[in-house]
Amino acid sequence: MSDANAPGAKSGLVRFFLWFVVVLFVLALAAAGAVYGGYKWMQAEFAAPGPSAEENIILLPRGAGLITIAAQLEREGLISDRRIFRAAVTLDGGEGVLRAGEYRIPAGASMAQIYEQLRVGQTVQYPVTFAEGLTSAMIVETLNAADVLTGAITEIPAEGSLLPETYLVTRGTSRQEVLNRMATAQAELLDRLWEGRAENLPFETREEAIILASVVEKETGVGAERPEVAAVFVNRLRRGMRLESDPTIIYGITRGVPLGRGLRRSEIDNPDNAWNTYQIPRLPPTPIANPGSQSLAAVLNPAESTALFFVADGTGGHAFADTYAQHQRNVANWRRIERDRRNGGN
């Protein structure tokens, strides 16, 4: 009978144990290498150019999870393998951060590039533009015509309470949300401008500033001359003179809709039109439009000017005058220009 405790037997057990450990180590290395190699391959696939040959627009619905999004991307031909996309996003910790919305995916975009777009919410932005001087009712009409927006507007905002400019929106944004943004933008702008306003202005409230700015807005479309137009009205208010602004009469007649003709003498002389600044010795009771930022800035910091009158000069701008006699000459010149145009002249 052999002795298991003999020196030879013991050395054999040691050699077997060592051999077993070496085998396990080699297998572990092989497994680790396979895992590492698989990971590197997945990374390469994730970063490789995608299958789409052209730019695509994709709309990811609200509430969609990673599985649904990956399947949609593969179905629409934007990624080659939804499993790779899901695995890579999960490893990056991005499973719960992909954002719904409308995305513009470039041609050949990799899975990594698409993931980054969805992670940061780089959605398609649509401009919705509101011209300066639109009434609130006209702004609502513009919103209703924008098919990327949703929802109904139940109440037209107060005249002059919105800031007309270009706003970027995503598909599905509510129309009321845009109105809220416009109102907030106007309030914030007016607060900033009010702090730096000129001294001794002939009005005391922000509402009066908006009213006067709306008149300036409707009197000229030339940005550079708005401070001078504002100065004329400020000078007239300081002297107790009537503003005598045609757009105020039109607002009282049509609530801002273009009249389509010249004013009649009976309309100028009508004392029952509450916005008729040929008859009332003060600002009209409400704004006559939504003024833009330049007009608001102009009435709060008008030009240094002694002018009391202005009239169209035939170039799209106006001729300004300090005296009525000078103004009459400018009016006569404008009438000659109008007459020449009617007769086919330049």
Protein backbone atom coordinates (compact mmCIF):
# COMPACT_ATOMS: atom_id res chain seq x y z
CA MET A 1 0.00 0.00 0.00
CA SER A 2 1.34 3.45 -0.97
CA ASP A 3 1.75 6.19 1.54
CA ALA A 4 -0.19 9.35 0.61
CA ASN A 5 2.00 11.34 2.90
CA ALA A 6 5.11 10.32 1.07
CA PRO A 7 7.18 13.18 -0.37
CA GLY A 8 6.46 12.16 -3.99
CA ALA A 9 2.70 12.18 -3.50
CA LYS A 10 2.77 15.57 -1.91
CA SER A 11 4.79 17.08 -4.74
CA GLY A 12 2.34 15.65 -7.26
CA LEU A 13 -0.60 17.30 -5.55
CA VAL A 14 1.23 20.63 -5.50
CA ARG A 15 2.03 20.35 -9.21
CA PHE A 16 -1.63 19.55 -9.97
CA PHE A 17 -2.85 22.49 -7.91
CA LEU A 18 -0.43 24.84 -9.58
CA TRP A 19 -1.42 23.54 -12.99
CA PHE A 20 -5.09 24.05 -12.13
CA VAL A 21 -4.45 27.63 -10.99
CA VAL A 22 -2.54 28.36 -14.19
CA VAL A 23 -5.39 27.00 -16.30
CA LEU A 24 -7.93 29.10 -14.45
CA PHE A 25 -5.72 32.16 -14.86
CA VAL A 26 -5.34 31.57 -18.58
CA LEU A 27 -9.08 31.06 -18.97
CA ALA A 28 -9.75 34.23 -17.01
CA LEU A 29 -7.35 36.15 -19.23
CA ALA A 30 -9.02 34.75 -22.31
CA ALA A 31 -12.46 35.66 -20.99
CA ALA A 32 -11.30 39.15 -20.07
CA GLY A 33 -9.75 39.55 -23.50
CA ALA A 34 -12.96 38.42 -25.14
CA VAL A 35 -15.01 40.85 -23.04
CA TYR A 36 -12.58 43.67 -23.74
CA GLY A 37 -12.52 42.84 -27.41
CA GLY A 38 -16.30 42.76 -27.52
CA TYR A 39 -16.48 46.09 -25.74
CA LYS A 40 -14.01 47.66 -28.17
CA TRP A 41 -15.97 46.25 -31.11
CA MET A 42 -19.22 47.67 -29.70
CA GLN A 43 -17.55 51.05 -29.24
CA ALA A 44 -16.35 50.99 -32.82
CA GLU A 45 -19.81 50.09 -34.10
CA PHE A 46 -21.39 52.78 -31.93
CA ALA A 47 -19.06 55.42 -33.37
CA ALA A 48 -19.15 54.18 -36.98
CA PRO A 49 -21.07 56.15 -39.65
CA GLY A 50 -24.75 55.24 -39.74
CA PRO A 51 -26.69 53.70 -42.61
CA SER A 52 -28.78 56.72 -43.60
CA ALA A 53 -27.72 58.32 -46.90
CA GLU A 54 -29.69 61.52 -46.34
CA GLU A 55 -30.84 63.84 -43.59
CA ASN A 56 -33.93 62.66 -41.75
CA ILE A 57 -36.49 64.18 -39.41
CA ILE A 58 -37.64 61.89 -36.61
CA LEU A 59 -40.31 62.54 -34.00
CA LEU A 60 -39.85 60.70 -30.71
CA PRO A 61 -43.10 60.61 -28.70
CA ARG A 62 -43.32 61.65 -25.08
CA GLY A 63 -42.91 58.76 -22.66
CA ALA A 64 -40.89 56.59 -25.05
CA GLY A 65 -38.19 54.54 -23.30
CA LEU A 66 -34.83 53.36 -24.56
CA ILE A 67 -36.20 50.10 -26.00
CA THR A 68 -38.89 51.92 -27.98
CA ILE A 69 -36.50 54.64 -29.16
CA ALA A 70 -33.84 52.19 -30.29
CA ALA A 71 -36.42 50.15 -32.20
CA GLN A 72 -37.77 53.29 -33.90
CA LEU A 73 -34.28 54.44 -34.90
CA GLU A 74 -33.54 51.03 -36.43
CA ARG A 75 -36.94 50.83 -38.14
CA GLU A 76 -36.44 54.24 -39.77
CA GLY A 77 -32.98 53.26 -41.03
CA LEU A 78 -30.99 55.60 -38.81
CA ILE A 79 -29.00 52.95 -36.88
CA SER A 80 -27.80 49.52 -37.91
CA ASP A 81 -28.45 47.58 -34.69
CA ARG A 82 -30.83 48.56 -31.90
CA ARG A 83 -29.12 46.13 -29.49
CA ILE A 84 -25.78 47.89 -29.82
CA PHE A 85 -27.47 51.27 -29.35
CA ARG A 86 -29.27 50.08 -26.23
CA ALA A 87 -26.17 48.46 -24.74
CA ALA A 88 -23.94 51.47 -25.32
CA VAL A 89 -26.49 53.95 -23.97
CA THR A 90 -27.09 51.78 -20.90
CA LEU A 91 -23.35 51.48 -20.19
CA ASP A 92 -23.09 55.27 -20.44
CA GLY A 93 -25.88 55.71 -17.91
CA GLY A 94 -28.14 57.43 -20.42
CA GLU A 95 -31.10 55.06 -20.33
CA GLY A 96 -33.40 57.52 -18.58
CA VAL A 97 -32.20 60.81 -20.06
CA LEU A 98 -33.19 60.55 -23.74
CA ARG A 99 -35.57 63.38 -24.53
CA ALA A 100 -38.71 63.28 -26.63
CA GLY A 101 -39.16 65.70 -29.48
CA GLU A 102 -38.45 66.29 -33.14
CA TYR A 103 -34.85 65.79 -34.29
CA ARG A 104 -33.00 66.50 -37.50
CA ILE A 105 -30.57 63.60 -37.95
CA PRO A 106 -27.73 64.31 -40.43
CA ALA A 107 -26.93 61.84 -43.20
CA GLY A 108 -24.55 59.15 -42.01
CA ALA A 109 -24.87 60.15 -38.35
CA SER A 110 -23.34 57.55 -36.05
CA MET A 111 -25.20 56.02 -33.14
CA ALA A 112 -22.96 58.05 -30.84
CA GLN A 113 -23.92 61.30 -32.59
CA ILE A 114 -27.62 60.44 -32.47
CA TYR A 115 -27.35 59.55 -28.80
CA GLU A 116 -25.73 62.91 -28.06
CA GLN A 117 -28.54 64.75 -29.86
CA LEU A 118 -31.17 62.89 -27.88
CA ARG A 119 -29.28 63.26 -24.61
CA VAL A 120 -28.98 67.05 -24.78
CA GLY A 121 -32.40 67.54 -26.39
CA GLN A 122 -31.08 69.12 -29.58
CA THR A 123 -34.54 69.29 -31.15
CA VAL A 124 -35.62 71.04 -34.34
CA GLN A 125 -36.36 74.72 -33.69
CA TYR A 126 -38.91 76.62 -35.76
CA PRO A 127 -38.92 80.43 -35.95
CA VAL A 128 -42.24 82.17 -35.40
CA THR A 129 -41.89 85.85 -36.32
CA PHE A 130 -44.13 88.71 -35.22
CA ALA A 131 -43.69 92.04 -36.96
CA GLU A 132 -43.30 95.10 -34.81
CA GLY A 133 -46.50 97.11 -34.60
CA LEU A 134 -48.95 94.21 -34.82
CA THR A 135 -52.00 94.40 -32.61
CA SER A 136 -52.60 91.63 -30.10
CA ALA A 137 -55.42 90.27 -32.26
CA MET A 138 -53.04 90.09 -35.24
CA ILE A 139 -50.46 88.26 -33.13
CA VAL A 140 -53.08 85.68 -32.16
CA GLU A 141 -53.89 85.24 -35.88
CA THR A 142 -50.19 84.63 -36.58
CA LEU A 143 -50.05 82.03 -33.81
CA ASN A 144 -53.16 80.29 -35.10
CA ALA A 145 -51.58 80.05 -38.55
CA ALA A 146 -48.41 78.36 -37.22
CA ASP A 147 -49.04 74.65 -37.76
CA VAL A 148 -46.13 73.54 -35.56
CA LEU A 149 -47.95 74.97 -32.54
CA THR A 150 -50.82 73.40 -30.64
CA GLY A 151 -53.73 74.43 -28.46
CA ALA A 152 -56.28 77.19 -28.55
CA ILE A 153 -55.99 80.76 -27.29
CA THR A 154 -59.08 81.61 -25.30
CA GLU A 155 -58.41 85.31 -24.67
CA ILE A 156 -56.65 87.99 -26.68
CA PRO A 157 -53.97 89.65 -24.51
CA ALA A 158 -54.16 93.31 -23.63
CA GLU A 159 -52.96 95.63 -26.36
CA GLY A 160 -49.29 96.48 -26.01
CA SER A 161 -48.50 93.69 -23.55
CA LEU A 162 -46.43 91.54 -25.95
CA LEU A 163 -42.95 91.94 -27.39
CA PRO A 164 -42.93 91.27 -31.14
CA GLU A 165 -39.80 89.56 -32.40
CA THR A 166 -38.74 86.10 -33.62
CA TYR A 167 -39.25 83.24 -31.15
CA LEU A 168 -37.86 79.74 -31.62
CA VAL A 169 -40.27 76.93 -30.79
CA THR A 170 -40.33 73.16 -31.01
CA ARG A 171 -43.13 71.25 -32.71
CA GLY A 172 -45.99 70.78 -30.29
CA THR A 173 -45.35 73.94 -28.26
CA SER A 174 -48.63 75.45 -27.14
CA ARG A 175 -49.76 78.78 -28.54
CA GLN A 176 -50.49 80.02 -25.05
CA GLU A 177 -46.91 79.24 -24.04
CA VAL A 178 -45.63 81.50 -26.84
CA LEU A 179 -47.94 84.30 -25.70
CA ASN A 180 -46.63 83.88 -22.16
CA ARG A 181 -43.05 84.11 -23.44
CA MET A 182 -43.89 87.29 -25.36
CA ALA A 183 -45.47 88.90 -22.32
CA THR A 184 -42.53 87.96 -20.10
CA ALA A 185 -40.03 89.24 -22.66
CA GLN A 186 -41.82 92.59 -22.89
CA ALA A 187 -42.02 93.00 -19.11
CA GLU A 188 -38.35 92.14 -18.63
CA LEU A 189 -37.23 94.47 -21.43
CA LEU A 190 -39.34 97.34 -20.11
CA ASP A 191 -37.97 96.85 -16.59
CA ARG A 192 -34.40 97.15 -17.90
CA LEU A 193 -35.16 100.19 -20.05
CA TRP A 194 -37.16 101.89 -17.30
CA GLU A 195 -34.19 101.86 -14.94
CA GLY A 196 -32.09 103.82 -17.45
CA ARG A 197 -34.77 106.21 -18.70
CA ALA A 198 -34.10 109.88 -19.30
CA GLU A 199 -35.07 112.43 -16.68
CA ASN A 200 -38.11 114.70 -16.85
CA LEU A 201 -40.11 112.63 -19.28
CA PRO A 202 -43.73 113.85 -19.67
CA PHE A 203 -45.18 110.55 -18.44
CA GLU A 204 -44.86 108.66 -15.18
CA THR A 205 -45.78 105.03 -15.71
CA ARG A 206 -44.63 102.06 -17.75
CA GLU A 207 -48.10 101.81 -19.27
CA GLU A 208 -47.80 105.38 -20.59
CA ALA A 209 -44.39 104.53 -22.02
CA ILE A 210 -45.90 101.56 -23.88
CA ILE A 211 -48.74 103.74 -25.23
CA LEU A 212 -46.33 106.34 -26.58
CA ALA A 213 -43.99 103.66 -27.95
CA SER A 214 -46.91 102.12 -29.85
CA VAL A 215 -47.61 105.47 -31.50
CA VAL A 216 -43.94 105.84 -32.45
CA GLU A 217 -43.98 102.28 -33.82
CA LYS A 218 -46.90 103.02 -36.12
CA GLU A 219 -45.50 106.35 -37.29
CA THR A 220 -42.21 105.06 -38.69
CA GLY A 221 -40.65 101.83 -39.85
CA VAL A 222 -37.17 103.37 -39.96
CA GLY A 223 -35.35 102.23 -36.86
CA ALA A 224 -32.73 104.98 -36.94
CA GLU A 225 -35.29 107.78 -36.74
CA ARG A 226 -37.46 106.37 -33.97
CA PRO A 227 -35.61 108.34 -31.25
CA GLU A 228 -36.27 111.54 -33.22
CA VAL A 229 -39.95 110.71 -33.77
CA ALA A 230 -40.17 109.96 -30.05
CA ALA A 231 -38.53 113.32 -29.32
CA VAL A 232 -41.21 115.15 -31.33
CA PHE A 233 -43.99 113.54 -29.31
CA VAL A 234 -42.16 114.10 -26.02
CA ASN A 235 -41.65 117.78 -26.92
CA ARG A 236 -45.32 118.17 -27.81
CA LEU A 237 -46.47 116.54 -24.56
CA ARG A 238 -44.19 118.81 -22.56
CA ARG A 239 -45.77 121.85 -24.23
CA GLY A 240 -49.32 120.57 -23.82
CA MET A 241 -49.73 120.14 -27.57
CA ARG A 242 -51.83 117.41 -29.13
CA LEU A 243 -49.90 114.50 -30.64
CA GLU A 244 -51.90 114.67 -33.90
CA SER A 245 -50.98 111.15 -34.97
CA ASP A 246 -52.98 109.60 -37.82
CA PRO A 247 -52.44 105.99 -36.65
CA THR A 248 -54.25 106.74 -33.40
CA ILE A 249 -57.37 107.75 -35.33
CA ILE A 250 -57.16 104.59 -37.43
CA TYR A 251 -56.92 102.45 -34.32
CA GLY A 252 -60.08 104.03 -32.96
CA ILE A 253 -61.87 103.18 -36.21
CA THR A 254 -60.57 99.68 -37.02
CA ARG A 255 -58.70 98.57 -33.88
CA GLY A 256 -55.49 98.47 -35.87
CA VAL A 257 -56.62 96.86 -39.11
CA PRO A 258 -55.23 98.91 -42.06
CA LEU A 259 -57.82 101.43 -43.22
CA GLY A 260 -56.99 100.94 -46.90
CA ARG A 261 -57.46 104.63 -47.71
CA GLY A 262 -56.59 108.05 -46.45
CA LEU A 263 -58.31 109.60 -43.46
CA ARG A 264 -61.35 111.75 -44.10
CA ARG A 265 -61.65 115.22 -42.60
CA SER A 266 -64.75 114.06 -40.71
CA GLU A 267 -62.66 111.31 -39.07
CA ILE A 268 -59.94 113.77 -38.08
CA ASP A 269 -62.54 116.13 -36.60
CA ASN A 270 -64.47 113.38 -34.81
CA PRO A 271 -64.36 114.05 -31.03
CA ASP A 272 -66.10 110.75 -30.23
CA ASN A 273 -63.08 108.66 -31.22
CA ALA A 274 -61.33 108.18 -27.86
CA TRP A 275 -57.99 107.50 -29.62
CA ASN A 276 -58.16 110.61 -31.83
CA THR A 277 -55.06 112.56 -30.79
CA TYR A 278 -56.10 115.44 -33.04
CA GLN A 279 -58.91 115.98 -30.53
CA ILE A 280 -57.59 114.77 -27.15
CA PRO A 281 -54.73 116.76 -25.52
CA ARG A 282 -53.04 113.69 -24.08
CA LEU A 283 -51.96 110.13 -24.79
CA PRO A 284 -54.63 107.78 -26.14
CA PRO A 285 -56.29 105.56 -23.51
CA THR A 286 -54.49 102.36 -24.57
CA PRO A 287 -51.58 101.32 -26.78
CA ILE A 288 -52.50 101.11 -30.46
CA ALA A 289 -50.17 98.17 -31.19
CA ASN A 290 -47.41 96.08 -29.65
CA PRO A 291 -44.24 98.16 -29.98
CA GLY A 292 -40.85 96.62 -30.62
CA SER A 293 -37.73 97.07 -28.53
CA GLN A 294 -36.44 100.04 -30.57
CA SER A 295 -39.60 102.06 -30.07
CA LEU A 296 -39.69 101.31 -26.34
CA ALA A 297 -36.07 102.37 -26.02
CA ALA A 298 -36.73 105.51 -28.08
CA VAL A 299 -39.52 106.90 -25.89
CA LEU A 300 -37.53 106.28 -22.72
CA ASN A 301 -34.42 107.90 -24.16
CA PRO A 302 -35.55 110.18 -26.99
CA ALA A 303 -33.12 112.09 -29.17
CA GLU A 304 -31.90 115.52 -28.13
CA SER A 305 -34.13 117.55 -30.42
CA THR A 306 -36.32 120.65 -30.44
CA ALA A 307 -38.46 119.41 -33.35
CA LEU A 308 -42.23 119.61 -32.97
CA PHE A 309 -43.36 118.36 -36.39
CA PHE A 310 -42.55 115.70 -38.95
CA VAL A 311 -43.93 114.59 -42.29
CA ALA A 312 -42.99 111.98 -44.87
CA ASP A 313 -40.08 113.02 -47.08
CA GLY A 314 -40.58 110.60 -49.96
CA THR A 315 -37.66 108.32 -49.10
CA GLY A 316 -39.46 106.18 -46.53
CA GLY A 317 -38.38 108.46 -43.70
CA HIS A 318 -39.52 111.84 -42.43
CA ALA A 319 -38.56 115.52 -42.56
CA PHE A 320 -38.49 117.14 -39.12
CA ALA A 321 -39.18 120.77 -38.27
CA ASP A 322 -38.93 123.01 -35.22
CA THR A 323 -41.47 125.57 -36.46
CA TYR A 324 -44.86 125.36 -38.09
CA ALA A 325 -43.69 127.47 -41.03
CA GLN A 326 -40.84 125.06 -41.74
CA HIS A 327 -43.24 122.15 -41.34
CA GLN A 328 -45.60 123.67 -43.89
CA ARG A 329 -42.76 123.84 -46.41
CA ASN A 330 -41.99 120.17 -45.75
CA VAL A 331 -45.68 119.32 -46.18
CA ALA A 332 -45.80 121.21 -49.50
CA ASN A 333 -42.74 119.30 -50.68
CA TRP A 334 -44.34 115.98 -49.71
CA ARG A 335 -47.52 116.89 -51.59
CA ARG A 336 -45.48 117.67 -54.69
CA ILE A 337 -43.86 114.24 -54.41
CA GLU A 338 -47.29 112.60 -54.08
CA ARG A 339 -48.60 114.55 -57.06
CA ASP A 340 -45.62 113.60 -59.20
CA ARG A 341 -46.08 109.93 -58.29
CA ARG A 342 -49.76 110.04 -59.26
CA ASN A 343 -48.76 111.62 -62.59
CA GLY A 344 -46.19 108.90 -63.26
CA GLY A 345 -43.11 110.81 -62.14
CA ASN A 346 -40.32 109.61 -59.83
